[in-house]
Amino acid sequence: MSTVVGAFEAKTKLSRLLKLVEQGETVVITRHDHPVAKLVPADGRRRPDFDKLVAAIGRIRGKTKPSPESMKDLISAGRKY
């Protein structure tokens, strides 16, 4: 859900608007009825992407397993540097 407020109201009620944003709401700030800024949750947008990434890594790990020989080669190669 999105709340639209004018610039003057945003200035006078910033604390209340920040509480709305913390609850997941988006706040659009307008000047003369034209949108000029948008307040969105800081980490609420990143978390779903992180969860998707972790799930994808889990799926890949379940499908691929290095053979003992290749793991030994990787360890040896790492020791050279």
C-alpha atoms as a PDB file:
ATOM      1  CA  MET A   1       0.000   0.000   0.000  1.00  0.00           C
ATOM      2  CA  SER A   2       1.188   3.517  -0.721  1.00  0.00           C
ATOM      3  CA  THR A   3       0.522   6.783   1.098  1.00  0.00           C
ATOM      4  CA  VAL A   4       0.789  10.110  -0.741  1.00  0.00           C
ATOM      5  CA  VAL A   5       1.602  13.291   1.214  1.00  0.00           C
ATOM      6  CA  GLY A   6       2.610  16.820   0.312  1.00  0.00           C
ATOM      7  CA  ALA A   7       6.068  18.164   1.099  1.00  0.00           C
ATOM      8  CA  PHE A   8       4.844  20.409   3.939  1.00  0.00           C
ATOM      9  CA  GLU A   9       2.931  17.569   5.600  1.00  0.00           C
ATOM     10  CA  ALA A  10       5.942  15.254   5.196  1.00  0.00           C
ATOM     11  CA  LYS A  11       8.125  17.840   6.928  1.00  0.00           C
ATOM     12  CA  THR A  12       5.748  18.284   9.850  1.00  0.00           C
ATOM     13  CA  LYS A  13       4.845  14.593  10.277  1.00  0.00           C
ATOM     14  CA  LEU A  14       8.117  12.862   9.417  1.00  0.00           C
ATOM     15  CA  SER A  15       8.135  10.667  12.548  1.00  0.00           C
ATOM     16  CA  ARG A  16       4.680   9.291  11.770  1.00  0.00           C
ATOM     17  CA  LEU A  17       5.636   8.657   8.146  1.00  0.00           C
ATOM     18  CA  LEU A  18       8.785   6.807   9.202  1.00  0.00           C
ATOM     19  CA  LYS A  19       6.670   4.536  11.417  1.00  0.00           C
ATOM     20  CA  LEU A  20       4.504   3.713   8.388  1.00  0.00           C
ATOM     21  CA  VAL A  21       7.613   2.905   6.356  1.00  0.00           C
ATOM     22  CA  GLU A  22       8.918   0.653   9.152  1.00  0.00           C
ATOM     23  CA  GLN A  23       5.653  -1.269   8.904  1.00  0.00           C
ATOM     24  CA  GLY A  24       6.318  -1.916   5.206  1.00  0.00           C
ATOM     25  CA  GLU A  25       4.323   0.888   3.627  1.00  0.00           C
ATOM     26  CA  THR A  26       5.647   3.117   0.852  1.00  0.00           C
ATOM     27  CA  VAL A  27       5.229   6.891   1.209  1.00  0.00           C
ATOM     28  CA  VAL A  28       5.273   9.146  -1.856  1.00  0.00           C
ATOM     29  CA  ILE A  29       6.068  12.812  -1.228  1.00  0.00           C
ATOM     30  CA  THR A  30       4.683  15.344  -3.688  1.00  0.00           C
ATOM     31  CA  ARG A  31       5.265  19.007  -4.426  1.00  0.00           C
ATOM     32  CA  HIS A  32       2.396  20.776  -6.195  1.00  0.00           C
ATOM     33  CA  ASP A  33       0.752  17.384  -6.852  1.00  0.00           C
ATOM     34  CA  HIS A  34       3.846  15.999  -8.627  1.00  0.00           C
ATOM     35  CA  PRO A  35       5.729  13.068  -7.035  1.00  0.00           C
ATOM     36  CA  VAL A  36       9.277  14.066  -6.074  1.00  0.00           C
ATOM     37  CA  ALA A  37      10.394  11.424  -3.558  1.00  0.00           C
ATOM     38  CA  LYS A  38       9.551   7.971  -2.280  1.00  0.00           C
ATOM     39  CA  LEU A  39      10.228   6.551   1.194  1.00  0.00           C
ATOM     40  CA  VAL A  40      10.631   2.770   1.183  1.00  0.00           C
ATOM     41  CA  PRO A  41      11.771   0.303   3.868  1.00  0.00           C
ATOM     42  CA  ALA A  42      15.573   0.163   3.991  1.00  0.00           C
ATOM     43  CA  ASP A  43      16.144  -3.580   4.399  1.00  0.00           C
ATOM     44  CA  GLY A  44      12.688  -4.862   3.632  1.00  0.00           C
ATOM     45  CA  ARG A  45      13.528  -4.818  -0.069  1.00  0.00           C
ATOM     46  CA  ARG A  46      16.836  -6.667   0.253  1.00  0.00           C
ATOM     47  CA  ARG A  47      15.716  -9.522   2.464  1.00  0.00           C
ATOM     48  CA  PRO A  48      13.547 -11.389  -0.086  1.00  0.00           C
ATOM     49  CA  ASP A  49      16.387 -11.296  -2.627  1.00  0.00           C
ATOM     50  CA  PHE A  50      18.784 -12.688  -0.005  1.00  0.00           C
ATOM     51  CA  ASP A  51      16.344 -15.477   0.854  1.00  0.00           C
ATOM     52  CA  LYS A  52      16.003 -16.381  -2.834  1.00  0.00           C
ATOM     53  CA  LEU A  53      19.772 -16.469  -3.186  1.00  0.00           C
ATOM     54  CA  VAL A  54      20.202 -18.783  -0.194  1.00  0.00           C
ATOM     55  CA  ALA A  55      17.477 -21.088  -1.526  1.00  0.00           C
ATOM     56  CA  ALA A  56      19.132 -21.203  -4.957  1.00  0.00           C
ATOM     57  CA  ILE A  57      22.503 -22.061  -3.429  1.00  0.00           C
ATOM     58  CA  GLY A  58      20.853 -24.844  -1.444  1.00  0.00           C
ATOM     59  CA  ARG A  59      19.330 -26.303  -4.609  1.00  0.00           C
ATOM     60  CA  ILE A  60      22.669 -26.173  -6.421  1.00  0.00           C
ATOM     61  CA  ARG A  61      24.530 -27.771  -3.507  1.00  0.00           C
ATOM     62  CA  GLY A  62      22.094 -30.657  -3.493  1.00  0.00           C
ATOM     63  CA  LYS A  63      22.663 -31.364  -7.190  1.00  0.00           C
ATOM     64  CA  THR A  64      26.447 -31.111  -7.431  1.00  0.00           C
ATOM     65  CA  LYS A  65      29.060 -32.816  -5.326  1.00  0.00           C
ATOM     66  CA  PRO A  66      32.750 -32.704  -6.156  1.00  0.00           C
ATOM     67  CA  SER A  67      34.530 -35.993  -6.431  1.00  0.00           C
ATOM     68  CA  PRO A  68      37.289 -36.670  -3.865  1.00  0.00           C
ATOM     69  CA  GLU A  69      39.917 -36.404  -6.597  1.00  0.00           C
ATOM     70  CA  SER A  70      38.786 -32.987  -7.758  1.00  0.00           C
ATOM     71  CA  MET A  71      38.574 -31.751  -4.161  1.00  0.00           C
ATOM     72  CA  LYS A  72      42.160 -32.940  -3.573  1.00  0.00           C
ATOM     73  CA  ASP A  73      43.273 -31.115  -6.731  1.00  0.00           C
ATOM     74  CA  LEU A  74      41.536 -27.933  -5.602  1.00  0.00           C
ATOM     75  CA  ILE A  75      43.222 -28.081  -2.192  1.00  0.00           C
ATOM     76  CA  SER A  76      46.618 -28.652  -3.777  1.00  0.00           C
ATOM     77  CA  ALA A  77      46.116 -25.802  -6.214  1.00  0.00           C
ATOM     78  CA  GLY A  78      45.166 -23.496  -3.371  1.00  0.00           C
ATOM     79  CA  ARG A  79      48.353 -24.300  -1.497  1.00  0.00           C
ATOM     80  CA  LYS A  80      50.489 -23.173  -4.439  1.00  0.00           C
ATOM     81  CA  TYR A  81      49.402 -19.580  -3.969  1.00  0.00           C
END
